[in-house]
Amino acid sequence: VASDPFNITLTQTSATSVIVEWSQPSGGATVTGYVVHYSHGVDNINQRVAASSTSSNITHLDRNTSYQFSVEATSEHVSGESNNCTITLFDPFDGINVVECDPVPQSQTVLLSKWALLMLV
């Protein structure tokens, strides 16, 4: 099973474009590629990305619209997907808009939680 991508960052670079960046999953199956999923309303779009890349430039988006993004790491047999991350594209575009999601891999969050519980005892 491929681990989940994490540290998802969405950067609005114009009124109609977003750069999606993520950190490679650690552990799990070998990643063979990524799929960036994005949607607003009923429109769901998938963009495939090579395993060697950890970013994707998404263009031709609608102005003044909120989009929900997630990144899926694919492997030969199974995939792992990040949590959803939402950004609203503003027009007029008056500067870079950045949204950060999933700062810590889920497996590390569990370890940190267990460590915190041990420290309380």
PDB file of N, CA and C in Angstrom:
ATOM      1  N   VAL A   1       0.844  -1.181   0.000  1.00  0.00           N
ATOM      2  CA  VAL A   1       0.000   0.000   0.000  1.00  0.00           C
ATOM      3  C   VAL A   1       0.885   1.239   0.000  1.00  0.00           C
ATOM      4  N   ALA A   2       0.630   2.163  -0.896  1.00  0.00           N
ATOM      5  CA  ALA A   2       1.376   3.425  -0.922  1.00  0.00           C
ATOM      6  C   ALA A   2       0.927   4.291   0.245  1.00  0.00           C
ATOM      7  N   SER A   3       1.874   4.945   0.905  1.00  0.00           N
ATOM      8  CA  SER A   3       1.536   5.868   1.986  1.00  0.00           C
ATOM      9  C   SER A   3       0.898   7.121   1.404  1.00  0.00           C
ATOM     10  N   ASP A   4       0.306   7.923   2.286  1.00  0.00           N
ATOM     11  CA  ASP A   4      -0.358   9.143   1.846  1.00  0.00           C
ATOM     12  C   ASP A   4       0.639  10.273   1.615  1.00  0.00           C
ATOM     13  N   PRO A   5       0.498  11.023   0.515  1.00  0.00           N
ATOM     14  CA  PRO A   5       1.280  12.252   0.367  1.00  0.00           C
ATOM     15  C   PRO A   5       0.884  13.210   1.500  1.00  0.00           C
ATOM     16  N   PHE A   6       1.796  14.085   1.899  1.00  0.00           N
ATOM     17  CA  PHE A   6       1.487  15.015   2.982  1.00  0.00           C
ATOM     18  C   PHE A   6       2.104  16.370   2.683  1.00  0.00           C
ATOM     19  N   ASN A   7       1.878  17.308   3.597  1.00  0.00           N
ATOM     20  CA  ASN A   7       2.408  18.660   3.452  1.00  0.00           C
ATOM     21  C   ASN A   7       1.931  19.283   2.138  1.00  0.00           C
ATOM     22  N   ILE A   8       0.629  19.178   1.890  1.00  0.00           N
ATOM     23  CA  ILE A   8       0.031  19.708   0.665  1.00  0.00           C
ATOM     24  C   ILE A   8       0.015  21.237   0.747  1.00  0.00           C
ATOM     25  N   THR A   9       0.510  21.887  -0.298  1.00  0.00           N
ATOM     26  CA  THR A   9       0.490  23.349  -0.372  1.00  0.00           C
ATOM     27  C   THR A   9      -0.164  23.758  -1.682  1.00  0.00           C
ATOM     28  N   LEU A  10      -1.141  24.644  -1.586  1.00  0.00           N
ATOM     29  CA  LEU A  10      -1.816  25.198  -2.759  1.00  0.00           C
ATOM     30  C   LEU A  10      -1.410  26.659  -2.872  1.00  0.00           C
ATOM     31  N   THR A  11      -0.888  27.054  -4.025  1.00  0.00           N
ATOM     32  CA  THR A  11      -0.454  28.434  -4.233  1.00  0.00           C
ATOM     33  C   THR A  11      -1.163  29.006  -5.448  1.00  0.00           C
ATOM     34  N   GLN A  12      -2.022  29.997  -5.211  1.00  0.00           N
ATOM     35  CA  GLN A  12      -2.685  30.682  -6.317  1.00  0.00           C
ATOM     36  C   GLN A  12      -1.672  31.610  -6.963  1.00  0.00           C
ATOM     37  N   THR A  13      -1.405  31.411  -8.261  1.00  0.00           N
ATOM     38  CA  THR A  13      -0.405  32.217  -8.966  1.00  0.00           C
ATOM     39  C   THR A  13      -1.018  33.190  -9.972  1.00  0.00           C
ATOM     40  N   SER A  14      -2.319  33.059 -10.217  1.00  0.00           N
ATOM     41  CA  SER A  14      -3.061  34.006 -11.057  1.00  0.00           C
ATOM     42  C   SER A  14      -4.533  33.837 -10.703  1.00  0.00           C
ATOM     43  N   ALA A  15      -5.403  34.589 -11.370  1.00  0.00           N
ATOM     44  CA  ALA A  15      -6.836  34.486 -11.082  1.00  0.00           C
ATOM     45  C   ALA A  15      -7.409  33.135 -11.482  1.00  0.00           C
ATOM     46  N   THR A  16      -6.658  32.367 -12.306  1.00  0.00           N
ATOM     47  CA  THR A  16      -7.187  31.099 -12.826  1.00  0.00           C
ATOM     48  C   THR A  16      -6.212  29.926 -12.709  1.00  0.00           C
ATOM     49  N   SER A  17      -5.178  30.043 -11.870  1.00  0.00           N
ATOM     50  CA  SER A  17      -4.227  28.929 -11.772  1.00  0.00           C
ATOM     51  C   SER A  17      -3.717  28.723 -10.347  1.00  0.00           C
ATOM     52  N   VAL A  18      -3.388  27.462 -10.065  1.00  0.00           N
ATOM     53  CA  VAL A  18      -2.898  27.045  -8.751  1.00  0.00           C
ATOM     54  C   VAL A  18      -1.753  26.060  -8.961  1.00  0.00           C
ATOM     55  N   ILE A  19      -0.691  26.223  -8.191  1.00  0.00           N
ATOM     56  CA  ILE A  19       0.366  25.208  -8.141  1.00  0.00           C
ATOM     57  C   ILE A  19       0.103  24.350  -6.913  1.00  0.00           C
ATOM     58  N   VAL A  20       0.018  23.045  -7.115  1.00  0.00           N
ATOM     59  CA  VAL A  20      -0.170  22.088  -6.024  1.00  0.00           C
ATOM     60  C   VAL A  20       1.178  21.431  -5.767  1.00  0.00           C
ATOM     61  N   GLU A  21       1.643  21.471  -4.512  1.00  0.00           N
ATOM     62  CA  GLU A  21       2.909  20.840  -4.138  1.00  0.00           C
ATOM     63  C   GLU A  21       2.663  19.917  -2.957  1.00  0.00           C
ATOM     64  N   TRP A  22       3.467  18.864  -2.847  1.00  0.00           N
ATOM     65  CA  TRP A  22       3.323  17.910  -1.753  1.00  0.00           C
ATOM     66  C   TRP A  22       4.664  17.270  -1.452  1.00  0.00           C
ATOM     67  N   SER A  23       4.722  16.606  -0.303  1.00  0.00           N
ATOM     68  CA  SER A  23       5.907  15.836   0.070  1.00  0.00           C
ATOM     69  C   SER A  23       5.654  14.374  -0.245  1.00  0.00           C
ATOM     70  N   GLN A  24       6.706  13.706  -0.706  1.00  0.00           N
ATOM     71  CA  GLN A  24       6.593  12.288  -1.034  1.00  0.00           C
ATOM     72  C   GLN A  24       6.255  11.491   0.215  1.00  0.00           C
ATOM     73  N   PRO A  25       5.397  10.485   0.069  1.00  0.00           N
ATOM     74  CA  PRO A  25       5.109   9.630   1.217  1.00  0.00           C
ATOM     75  C   PRO A  25       6.353   8.844   1.612  1.00  0.00           C
ATOM     76  N   SER A  26       6.465   8.549   2.887  1.00  0.00           N
ATOM     77  CA  SER A  26       7.596   7.740   3.345  1.00  0.00           C
ATOM     78  C   SER A  26       7.081   6.371   3.757  1.00  0.00           C
ATOM     79  N   GLY A  27       7.794   5.345   3.373  1.00  0.00           N
ATOM     80  CA  GLY A  27       7.354   3.986   3.693  1.00  0.00           C
ATOM     81  C   GLY A  27       6.280   3.524   2.727  1.00  0.00           C
ATOM     82  N   GLY A  28       5.845   2.317   2.924  1.00  0.00           N
ATOM     83  CA  GLY A  28       4.815   1.766   2.060  1.00  0.00           C
ATOM     84  C   GLY A  28       5.386   1.304   0.734  1.00  0.00           C
ATOM     85  N   ALA A  29       4.515   1.037  -0.197  1.00  0.00           N
ATOM     86  CA  ALA A  29       4.909   0.541  -1.516  1.00  0.00           C
ATOM     87  C   ALA A  29       5.611   1.635  -2.323  1.00  0.00           C
ATOM     88  N   THR A  30       6.348   1.228  -3.331  1.00  0.00           N
ATOM     89  CA  THR A  30       7.023   2.169  -4.224  1.00  0.00           C
ATOM     90  C   THR A  30       5.989   2.964  -5.014  1.00  0.00           C
ATOM     91  N   VAL A  31       6.120   4.279  -4.989  1.00  0.00           N
ATOM     92  CA  VAL A  31       5.185   5.154  -5.702  1.00  0.00           C
ATOM     93  C   VAL A  31       5.491   5.097  -7.195  1.00  0.00           C
ATOM     94  N   THR A  32       4.453   4.830  -8.004  1.00  0.00           N
ATOM     95  CA  THR A  32       4.611   4.776  -9.455  1.00  0.00           C
ATOM     96  C   THR A  32       4.092   6.040 -10.138  1.00  0.00           C
ATOM     97  N   GLY A  33       3.453   6.910  -9.378  1.00  0.00           N
ATOM     98  CA  GLY A  33       2.932   8.163  -9.912  1.00  0.00           C
ATOM     99  C   GLY A  33       1.992   8.809  -8.917  1.00  0.00           C
ATOM    100  N   TYR A  34       1.455   9.941  -9.313  1.00  0.00           N
ATOM    101  CA  TYR A  34       0.501  10.669  -8.476  1.00  0.00           C
ATOM    102  C   TYR A  34      -0.692  11.059  -9.330  1.00  0.00           C
ATOM    103  N   VAL A  35      -1.821  11.263  -8.665  1.00  0.00           N
ATOM    104  CA  VAL A  35      -2.994  11.833  -9.320  1.00  0.00           C
ATOM    105  C   VAL A  35      -3.453  13.004  -8.456  1.00  0.00           C
ATOM    106  N   VAL A  36      -3.509  14.188  -9.066  1.00  0.00           N
ATOM    107  CA  VAL A  36      -4.051  15.358  -8.385  1.00  0.00           C
ATOM    108  C   VAL A  36      -5.535  15.404  -8.720  1.00  0.00           C
ATOM    109  N   HIS A  37      -6.371  15.322  -7.685  1.00  0.00           N
ATOM    110  CA  HIS A  37      -7.823  15.401  -7.853  1.00  0.00           C
ATOM    111  C   HIS A  37      -8.249  16.817  -7.467  1.00  0.00           C
ATOM    112  N   TYR A  38      -9.083  17.429  -8.283  1.00  0.00           N
ATOM    113  CA  TYR A  38      -9.628  18.723  -7.881  1.00  0.00           C
ATOM    114  C   TYR A  38     -11.057  18.853  -8.378  1.00  0.00           C
ATOM    115  N   SER A  39     -11.836  19.600  -7.603  1.00  0.00           N
ATOM    116  CA  SER A  39     -13.256  19.706  -7.922  1.00  0.00           C
ATOM    117  C   SER A  39     -13.845  20.998  -7.365  1.00  0.00           C
ATOM    118  N   HIS A  40     -14.955  21.376  -7.953  1.00  0.00           N
ATOM    119  CA  HIS A  40     -15.845  22.410  -7.414  1.00  0.00           C
ATOM    120  C   HIS A  40     -17.229  22.041  -7.907  1.00  0.00           C
ATOM    121  N   GLY A  41     -18.177  22.034  -7.004  1.00  0.00           N
ATOM    122  CA  GLY A  41     -19.518  21.610  -7.388  1.00  0.00           C
ATOM    123  C   GLY A  41     -19.505  20.162  -7.844  1.00  0.00           C
ATOM    124  N   VAL A  42     -20.063  19.907  -9.018  1.00  0.00           N
ATOM    125  CA  VAL A  42     -20.137  18.540  -9.535  1.00  0.00           C
ATOM    126  C   VAL A  42     -18.979  18.191 -10.463  1.00  0.00           C
ATOM    127  N   ASP A  43     -18.147  19.170 -10.790  1.00  0.00           N
ATOM    128  CA  ASP A  43     -17.011  18.923 -11.680  1.00  0.00           C
ATOM    129  C   ASP A  43     -15.855  18.298 -10.910  1.00  0.00           C
ATOM    130  N   ASN A  44     -15.454  17.087 -11.294  1.00  0.00           N
ATOM    131  CA  ASN A  44     -14.309  16.400 -10.696  1.00  0.00           C
ATOM    132  C   ASN A  44     -13.288  16.136 -11.792  1.00  0.00           C
ATOM    133  N   ILE A  45     -12.060  16.594 -11.578  1.00  0.00           N
ATOM    134  CA  ILE A  45     -11.019  16.465 -12.593  1.00  0.00           C
ATOM    135  C   ILE A  45      -9.803  15.795 -11.974  1.00  0.00           C
ATOM    136  N   ASN A  46      -9.148  14.938 -12.747  1.00  0.00           N
ATOM    137  CA  ASN A  46      -7.943  14.242 -12.297  1.00  0.00           C
ATOM    138  C   ASN A  46      -6.798  14.572 -13.241  1.00  0.00           C
ATOM    139  N   GLN A  47      -5.633  14.864 -12.670  1.00  0.00           N
ATOM    140  CA  GLN A  47      -4.447  15.122 -13.485  1.00  0.00           C
ATOM    141  C   GLN A  47      -3.331  14.193 -13.019  1.00  0.00           C
ATOM    142  N   ARG A  48      -2.826  13.369 -13.927  1.00  0.00           N
ATOM    143  CA  ARG A  48      -1.737  12.435 -13.599  1.00  0.00           C
ATOM    144  C   ARG A  48      -0.400  13.166 -13.584  1.00  0.00           C
ATOM    145  N   VAL A  49       0.458  12.753 -12.630  1.00  0.00           N
ATOM    146  CA  VAL A  49       1.777  13.363 -12.462  1.00  0.00           C
ATOM    147  C   VAL A  49       2.794  12.242 -12.311  1.00  0.00           C
ATOM    148  N   ALA A  50       3.964  12.413 -12.898  1.00  0.00           N
ATOM    149  CA  ALA A  50       5.033  11.403 -12.825  1.00  0.00           C
ATOM    150  C   ALA A  50       5.497  11.206 -11.383  1.00  0.00           C
ATOM    151  N   ALA A  51       5.984  10.014 -11.088  1.00  0.00           N
ATOM    152  CA  ALA A  51       6.469   9.687  -9.741  1.00  0.00           C
ATOM    153  C   ALA A  51       7.646  10.556  -9.332  1.00  0.00           C
ATOM    154  N   SER A  52       8.389  11.066 -10.291  1.00  0.00           N
ATOM    155  CA  SER A  52       9.568  11.887  -9.997  1.00  0.00           C
ATOM    156  C   SER A  52       9.215  13.328  -9.624  1.00  0.00           C
ATOM    157  N   SER A  53       7.944  13.703  -9.738  1.00  0.00           N
ATOM    158  CA  SER A  53       7.533  15.078  -9.469  1.00  0.00           C
ATOM    159  C   SER A  53       6.730  15.171  -8.176  1.00  0.00           C
ATOM    160  N   THR A  54       6.817  16.310  -7.512  1.00  0.00           N
ATOM    161  CA  THR A  54       5.999  16.553  -6.318  1.00  0.00           C
ATOM    162  C   THR A  54       5.266  17.889  -6.443  1.00  0.00           C
ATOM    163  N   SER A  55       4.907  18.235  -7.677  1.00  0.00           N
ATOM    164  CA  SER A  55       4.114  19.445  -7.894  1.00  0.00           C
ATOM    165  C   SER A  55       3.377  19.342  -9.224  1.00  0.00           C
ATOM    166  N   SER A  56       2.338  20.159  -9.336  1.00  0.00           N
ATOM    167  CA  SER A  56       1.565  20.203 -10.572  1.00  0.00           C
ATOM    168  C   SER A  56       0.967  21.596 -10.712  1.00  0.00           C
ATOM    169  N   ASN A  57       1.045  22.155 -11.911  1.00  0.00           N
ATOM    170  CA  ASN A  57       0.467  23.462 -12.194  1.00  0.00           C
ATOM    171  C   ASN A  57      -0.910  23.247 -12.817  1.00  0.00           C
ATOM    172  N   ILE A  58      -1.950  23.673 -12.119  1.00  0.00           N
ATOM    173  CA  ILE A  58      -3.323  23.505 -12.593  1.00  0.00           C
ATOM    174  C   ILE A  58      -3.787  24.853 -13.145  1.00  0.00           C
ATOM    175  N   THR A  59      -4.196  24.868 -14.412  1.00  0.00           N
ATOM    176  CA  THR A  59      -4.583  26.122 -15.067  1.00  0.00           C
ATOM    177  C   THR A  59      -6.026  26.054 -15.565  1.00  0.00           C
ATOM    178  N   HIS A  60      -6.502  27.161 -16.085  1.00  0.00           N
ATOM    179  CA  HIS A  60      -7.847  27.286 -16.666  1.00  0.00           C
ATOM    180  C   HIS A  60      -8.941  27.010 -15.637  1.00  0.00           C
ATOM    181  N   LEU A  61      -8.718  27.451 -14.407  1.00  0.00           N
ATOM    182  CA  LEU A  61      -9.727  27.318 -13.361  1.00  0.00           C
ATOM    183  C   LEU A  61     -10.674  28.512 -13.424  1.00  0.00           C
ATOM    184  N   ASP A  62     -11.827  28.381 -12.780  1.00  0.00           N
ATOM    185  CA  ASP A  62     -12.809  29.463 -12.778  1.00  0.00           C
ATOM    186  C   ASP A  62     -12.444  30.518 -11.732  1.00  0.00           C
ATOM    187  N   ARG A  63     -12.612  31.759 -12.096  1.00  0.00           N
ATOM    188  CA  ARG A  63     -12.331  32.880 -11.190  1.00  0.00           C
ATOM    189  C   ARG A  63     -13.348  32.906 -10.042  1.00  0.00           C
ATOM    190  N   ASN A  64     -12.924  33.414  -8.885  1.00  0.00           N
ATOM    191  CA  ASN A  64     -13.803  33.583  -7.719  1.00  0.00           C
ATOM    192  C   ASN A  64     -14.548  32.298  -7.371  1.00  0.00           C
ATOM    193  N   THR A  65     -13.836  31.197  -7.397  1.00  0.00           N
ATOM    194  CA  THR A  65     -14.416  29.879  -7.144  1.00  0.00           C
ATOM    195  C   THR A  65     -13.551  29.127  -6.150  1.00  0.00           C
ATOM    196  N   SER A  66     -14.201  28.368  -5.254  1.00  0.00           N
ATOM    197  CA  SER A  66     -13.466  27.513  -4.315  1.00  0.00           C
ATOM    198  C   SER A  66     -13.257  26.142  -4.939  1.00  0.00           C
ATOM    199  N   TYR A  67     -12.040  25.637  -4.834  1.00  0.00           N
ATOM    200  CA  TYR A  67     -11.689  24.314  -5.342  1.00  0.00           C
ATOM    201  C   TYR A  67     -11.175  23.457  -4.199  1.00  0.00           C
ATOM    202  N   GLN A  68     -11.527  22.188  -4.247  1.00  0.00           N
ATOM    203  CA  GLN A  68     -11.041  21.216  -3.276  1.00  0.00           C
ATOM    204  C   GLN A  68     -10.025  20.318  -3.981  1.00  0.00           C
ATOM    205  N   PHE A  69      -8.834  20.187  -3.394  1.00  0.00           N
ATOM    206  CA  PHE A  69      -7.752  19.401  -3.971  1.00  0.00           C
ATOM    207  C   PHE A  69      -7.372  18.258  -3.043  1.00  0.00           C
ATOM    208  N   SER A  70      -6.916  17.160  -3.626  1.00  0.00           N
ATOM    209  CA  SER A  70      -6.244  16.094  -2.883  1.00  0.00           C
ATOM    210  C   SER A  70      -5.220  15.473  -3.826  1.00  0.00           C
ATOM    211  N   VAL A  71      -4.226  14.816  -3.243  1.00  0.00           N
ATOM    212  CA  VAL A  71      -3.171  14.180  -4.030  1.00  0.00           C
ATOM    213  C   VAL A  71      -3.141  12.703  -3.672  1.00  0.00           C
ATOM    214  N   GLU A  72      -3.156  11.866  -4.681  1.00  0.00           N
ATOM    215  CA  GLU A  72      -3.131  10.412  -4.505  1.00  0.00           C
ATOM    216  C   GLU A  72      -1.792   9.869  -4.994  1.00  0.00           C
ATOM    217  N   ALA A  73      -1.125   9.107  -4.140  1.00  0.00           N
ATOM    218  CA  ALA A  73       0.090   8.394  -4.551  1.00  0.00           C
ATOM    219  C   ALA A  73      -0.343   7.029  -5.046  1.00  0.00           C
ATOM    220  N   THR A  74       0.081   6.658  -6.243  1.00  0.00           N
ATOM    221  CA  THR A  74      -0.301   5.358  -6.782  1.00  0.00           C
ATOM    222  C   THR A  74       0.892   4.412  -6.734  1.00  0.00           C
ATOM    223  N   SER A  75       0.582   3.140  -6.551  1.00  0.00           N
ATOM    224  CA  SER A  75       1.605   2.098  -6.594  1.00  0.00           C
ATOM    225  C   SER A  75       1.081   1.005  -7.509  1.00  0.00           C
ATOM    226  N   GLU A  76       1.827  -0.055  -7.616  1.00  0.00           N
ATOM    227  CA  GLU A  76       1.434  -1.128  -8.522  1.00  0.00           C
ATOM    228  C   GLU A  76       0.081  -1.725  -8.146  1.00  0.00           C
ATOM    229  N   HIS A  77      -0.232  -1.780  -6.852  1.00  0.00           N
ATOM    230  CA  HIS A  77      -1.445  -2.479  -6.423  1.00  0.00           C
ATOM    231  C   HIS A  77      -2.492  -1.580  -5.769  1.00  0.00           C
ATOM    232  N   VAL A  78      -2.063  -0.650  -4.921  1.00  0.00           N
ATOM    233  CA  VAL A  78      -3.005   0.142  -4.130  1.00  0.00           C
ATOM    234  C   VAL A  78      -2.508   1.583  -4.059  1.00  0.00           C
ATOM    235  N   SER A  79      -3.381   2.495  -3.671  1.00  0.00           N
ATOM    236  CA  SER A  79      -2.974   3.895  -3.578  1.00  0.00           C
ATOM    237  C   SER A  79      -3.270   4.469  -2.198  1.00  0.00           C
ATOM    238  N   GLY A  80      -2.649   5.614  -1.906  1.00  0.00           N
ATOM    239  CA  GLY A  80      -2.907   6.349  -0.677  1.00  0.00           C
ATOM    240  C   GLY A  80      -3.215   7.788  -1.048  1.00  0.00           C
ATOM    241  N   GLU A  81      -4.195   8.392  -0.385  1.00  0.00           N
ATOM    242  CA  GLU A  81      -4.629   9.735  -0.766  1.00  0.00           C
ATOM    243  C   GLU A  81      -4.538  10.690   0.411  1.00  0.00           C
ATOM    244  N   SER A  82      -4.157  11.931   0.128  1.00  0.00           N
ATOM    245  CA  SER A  82      -4.076  12.966   1.155  1.00  0.00           C
ATOM    246  C   SER A  82      -5.475  13.414   1.557  1.00  0.00           C
ATOM    247  N   ASN A  83      -5.554  14.164   2.638  1.00  0.00           N
ATOM    248  CA  ASN A  83      -6.805  14.809   3.002  1.00  0.00           C
ATOM    249  C   ASN A  83      -7.104  15.904   1.989  1.00  0.00           C
ATOM    250  N   ASN A  84      -8.366  16.342   1.968  1.00  0.00           N
ATOM    251  CA  ASN A  84      -8.744  17.417   1.056  1.00  0.00           C
ATOM    252  C   ASN A  84      -8.208  18.754   1.552  1.00  0.00           C
ATOM    253  N   CYS A  85      -7.889  19.608   0.619  1.00  0.00           N
ATOM    254  CA  CYS A  85      -7.373  20.947   0.903  1.00  0.00           C
ATOM    255  C   CYS A  85      -8.135  21.907  -0.007  1.00  0.00           C
ATOM    256  N   THR A  86      -8.654  23.002   0.541  1.00  0.00           N
ATOM    257  CA  THR A  86      -9.504  23.908  -0.230  1.00  0.00           C
ATOM    258  C   THR A  86      -8.861  25.282  -0.379  1.00  0.00           C
ATOM    259  N   ILE A  87      -8.990  25.848  -1.579  1.00  0.00           N
ATOM    260  CA  ILE A  87      -8.516  27.205  -1.853  1.00  0.00           C
ATOM    261  C   ILE A  87      -9.582  27.925  -2.672  1.00  0.00           C
ATOM    262  N   THR A  88      -9.738  29.223  -2.420  1.00  0.00           N
ATOM    263  CA  THR A  88     -10.637  30.060  -3.214  1.00  0.00           C
ATOM    264  C   THR A  88      -9.790  30.969  -4.094  1.00  0.00           C
ATOM    265  N   LEU A  89     -10.063  30.939  -5.400  1.00  0.00           N
ATOM    266  CA  LEU A  89      -9.340  31.783  -6.356  1.00  0.00           C
ATOM    267  C   LEU A  89      -9.978  33.165  -6.379  1.00  0.00           C
ATOM    268  N   PHE A  90      -9.185  34.173  -6.062  1.00  0.00           N
ATOM    269  CA  PHE A  90      -9.696  35.536  -6.007  1.00  0.00           C
ATOM    270  C   PHE A  90      -9.384  36.287  -7.298  1.00  0.00           C
ATOM    271  N   ASP A  91     -10.368  37.059  -7.759  1.00  0.00           N
ATOM    272  CA  ASP A  91     -10.188  37.934  -8.900  1.00  0.00           C
ATOM    273  C   ASP A  91     -10.884  39.246  -8.557  1.00  0.00           C
ATOM    274  N   PRO A  92     -10.214  40.383  -8.504  1.00  0.00           N
ATOM    275  CA  PRO A  92      -8.882  40.547  -9.067  1.00  0.00           C
ATOM    276  C   PRO A  92      -7.814  39.880  -8.204  1.00  0.00           C
ATOM    277  N   PHE A  93      -6.810  39.353  -8.903  1.00  0.00           N
ATOM    278  CA  PHE A  93      -5.671  38.697  -8.263  1.00  0.00           C
ATOM    279  C   PHE A  93      -4.714  39.781  -7.795  1.00  0.00           C
ATOM    280  N   ASP A  94      -4.491  39.837  -6.469  1.00  0.00           N
ATOM    281  CA  ASP A  94      -3.655  40.924  -5.951  1.00  0.00           C
ATOM    282  C   ASP A  94      -2.424  40.421  -5.201  1.00  0.00           C
ATOM    283  N   GLY A  95      -2.016  39.214  -5.489  1.00  0.00           N
ATOM    284  CA  GLY A  95      -0.824  38.656  -4.843  1.00  0.00           C
ATOM    285  C   GLY A  95      -1.003  37.181  -4.571  1.00  0.00           C
ATOM    286  N   ILE A  96       0.076  36.536  -4.278  1.00  0.00           N
ATOM    287  CA  ILE A  96       0.055  35.091  -4.089  1.00  0.00           C
ATOM    288  C   ILE A  96      -0.769  34.721  -2.864  1.00  0.00           C
ATOM    289  N   ASN A  97      -1.637  33.742  -3.022  1.00  0.00           N
ATOM    290  CA  ASN A  97      -2.501  33.212  -1.975  1.00  0.00           C
ATOM    291  C   ASN A  97      -2.036  31.785  -1.709  1.00  0.00           C
ATOM    292  N   VAL A  98      -1.626  31.475  -0.472  1.00  0.00           N
ATOM    293  CA  VAL A  98      -1.079  30.152  -0.152  1.00  0.00           C
ATOM    294  C   VAL A  98      -1.921  29.492   0.931  1.00  0.00           C
ATOM    295  N   VAL A  99      -2.259  28.210   0.717  1.00  0.00           N
ATOM    296  CA  VAL A  99      -2.965  27.401   1.710  1.00  0.00           C
ATOM    297  C   VAL A  99      -2.126  26.157   1.958  1.00  0.00           C
ATOM    298  N   GLU A 100      -1.850  25.845   3.236  1.00  0.00           N
ATOM    299  CA  GLU A 100      -1.074  24.650   3.588  1.00  0.00           C
ATOM    300  C   GLU A 100      -1.969  23.664   4.325  1.00  0.00           C
ATOM    301  N   CYS A 101      -1.857  22.383   3.969  1.00  0.00           N
ATOM    302  CA  CYS A 101      -2.655  21.323   4.582  1.00  0.00           C
ATOM    303  C   CYS A 101      -1.770  20.111   4.865  1.00  0.00           C
ATOM    304  N   ASP A 102      -2.214  19.225   5.740  1.00  0.00           N
ATOM    305  CA  ASP A 102      -1.506  17.967   6.037  1.00  0.00           C
ATOM    306  C   ASP A 102      -0.026  18.182   6.331  1.00  0.00           C
ATOM    307  N   PRO A 103       0.327  18.983   7.348  1.00  0.00           N
ATOM    308  CA  PRO A 103       1.745  19.258   7.579  1.00  0.00           C
ATOM    309  C   PRO A 103       2.551  18.064   8.073  1.00  0.00           C
ATOM    310  N   VAL A 104       1.898  17.063   8.678  1.00  0.00           N
ATOM    311  CA  VAL A 104       2.619  15.914   9.228  1.00  0.00           C
ATOM    312  C   VAL A 104       1.995  14.645   8.674  1.00  0.00           C
ATOM    313  N   PRO A 105       2.807  13.680   8.206  1.00  0.00           N
ATOM    314  CA  PRO A 105       2.240  12.420   7.729  1.00  0.00           C
ATOM    315  C   PRO A 105       1.402  11.769   8.819  1.00  0.00           C
ATOM    316  N   GLN A 106       0.328  11.107   8.410  1.00  0.00           N
ATOM    317  CA  GLN A 106      -0.591  10.496   9.364  1.00  0.00           C
ATOM    318  C   GLN A 106       0.127   9.532  10.305  1.00  0.00           C
ATOM    319  N   SER A 107       1.054   8.726   9.812  1.00  0.00           N
ATOM    320  CA  SER A 107       1.757   7.770  10.668  1.00  0.00           C
ATOM    321  C   SER A 107       2.582   8.502  11.717  1.00  0.00           C
ATOM    322  N   GLN A 108       3.173   9.654  11.366  1.00  0.00           N
ATOM    323  CA  GLN A 108       3.933  10.421  12.337  1.00  0.00           C
ATOM    324  C   GLN A 108       3.012  11.071  13.353  1.00  0.00           C
ATOM    325  N   THR A 109       1.807  11.472  12.935  1.00  0.00           N
ATOM    326  CA  THR A 109       0.849  12.060  13.862  1.00  0.00           C
ATOM    327  C   THR A 109       0.482  11.048  14.932  1.00  0.00           C
ATOM    328  N   VAL A 110       0.255   9.808  14.542  1.00  0.00           N
ATOM    329  CA  VAL A 110      -0.077   8.754  15.504  1.00  0.00           C
ATOM    330  C   VAL A 110       1.079   8.562  16.472  1.00  0.00           C
ATOM    331  N   LEU A 111       2.310   8.513  15.963  1.00  0.00           N
ATOM    332  CA  LEU A 111       3.471   8.352  16.833  1.00  0.00           C
ATOM    333  C   LEU A 111       3.606   9.531  17.787  1.00  0.00           C
ATOM    334  N   LEU A 112       3.392  10.746  17.299  1.00  0.00           N
ATOM    335  CA  LEU A 112       3.472  11.920  18.161  1.00  0.00           C
ATOM    336  C   LEU A 112       2.398  11.882  19.235  1.00  0.00           C
ATOM    337  N   SER A 113       1.191  11.432  18.881  1.00  0.00           N
ATOM    338  CA  SER A 113       0.106  11.334  19.853  1.00  0.00           C
ATOM    339  C   SER A 113       0.435  10.315  20.928  1.00  0.00           C
ATOM    340  N   LYS A 114       0.986   9.161  20.530  1.00  0.00           N
ATOM    341  CA  LYS A 114       1.354   8.137  21.507  1.00  0.00           C
ATOM    342  C   LYS A 114       2.464   8.651  22.413  1.00  0.00           C
ATOM    343  N   TRP A 115       3.432   9.377  21.851  1.00  0.00           N
ATOM    344  CA  TRP A 115       4.516   9.938  22.641  1.00  0.00           C
ATOM    345  C   TRP A 115       3.962  10.942  23.650  1.00  0.00           C
ATOM    346  N   ALA A 116       3.022  11.782  23.223  1.00  0.00           N
ATOM    347  CA  ALA A 116       2.433  12.776  24.117  1.00  0.00           C
ATOM    348  C   ALA A 116       1.693  12.098  25.260  1.00  0.00           C
ATOM    349  N   LEU A 117       0.993  11.006  24.972  1.00  0.00           N
ATOM    350  CA  LEU A 117       0.296  10.267  26.030  1.00  0.00           C
ATOM    351  C   LEU A 117       1.285   9.670  27.017  1.00  0.00           C
ATOM    352  N   LEU A 118       2.409   9.143  26.522  1.00  0.00           N
ATOM    353  CA  LEU A 118       3.424   8.581  27.412  1.00  0.00           C
ATOM    354  C   LEU A 118       4.013   9.657  28.313  1.00  0.00           C
ATOM    355  N   MET A 119       4.171  10.854  27.786  1.00  0.00           N
ATOM    356  CA  MET A 119       4.743  11.945  28.572  1.00  0.00           C
ATOM    357  C   MET A 119       3.799  12.396  29.681  1.00  0.00           C
ATOM    358  N   LEU A 120       2.490  12.176  29.499  1.00  0.00           N
ATOM    359  CA  LEU A 120       1.508  12.559  30.509  1.00  0.00           C
ATOM    360  C   LEU A 120       1.483  11.589  31.683  1.00  0.00           C
ATOM    361  N   VAL A 121       1.934  10.368  31.461  1.00  0.00           N
ATOM    362  CA  VAL A 121       1.883   9.332  32.501  1.00  0.00           C
ATOM    363  C   VAL A 121       2.948   9.548  33.538  1.00  0.00           C
TER     364      VAL A 121
END
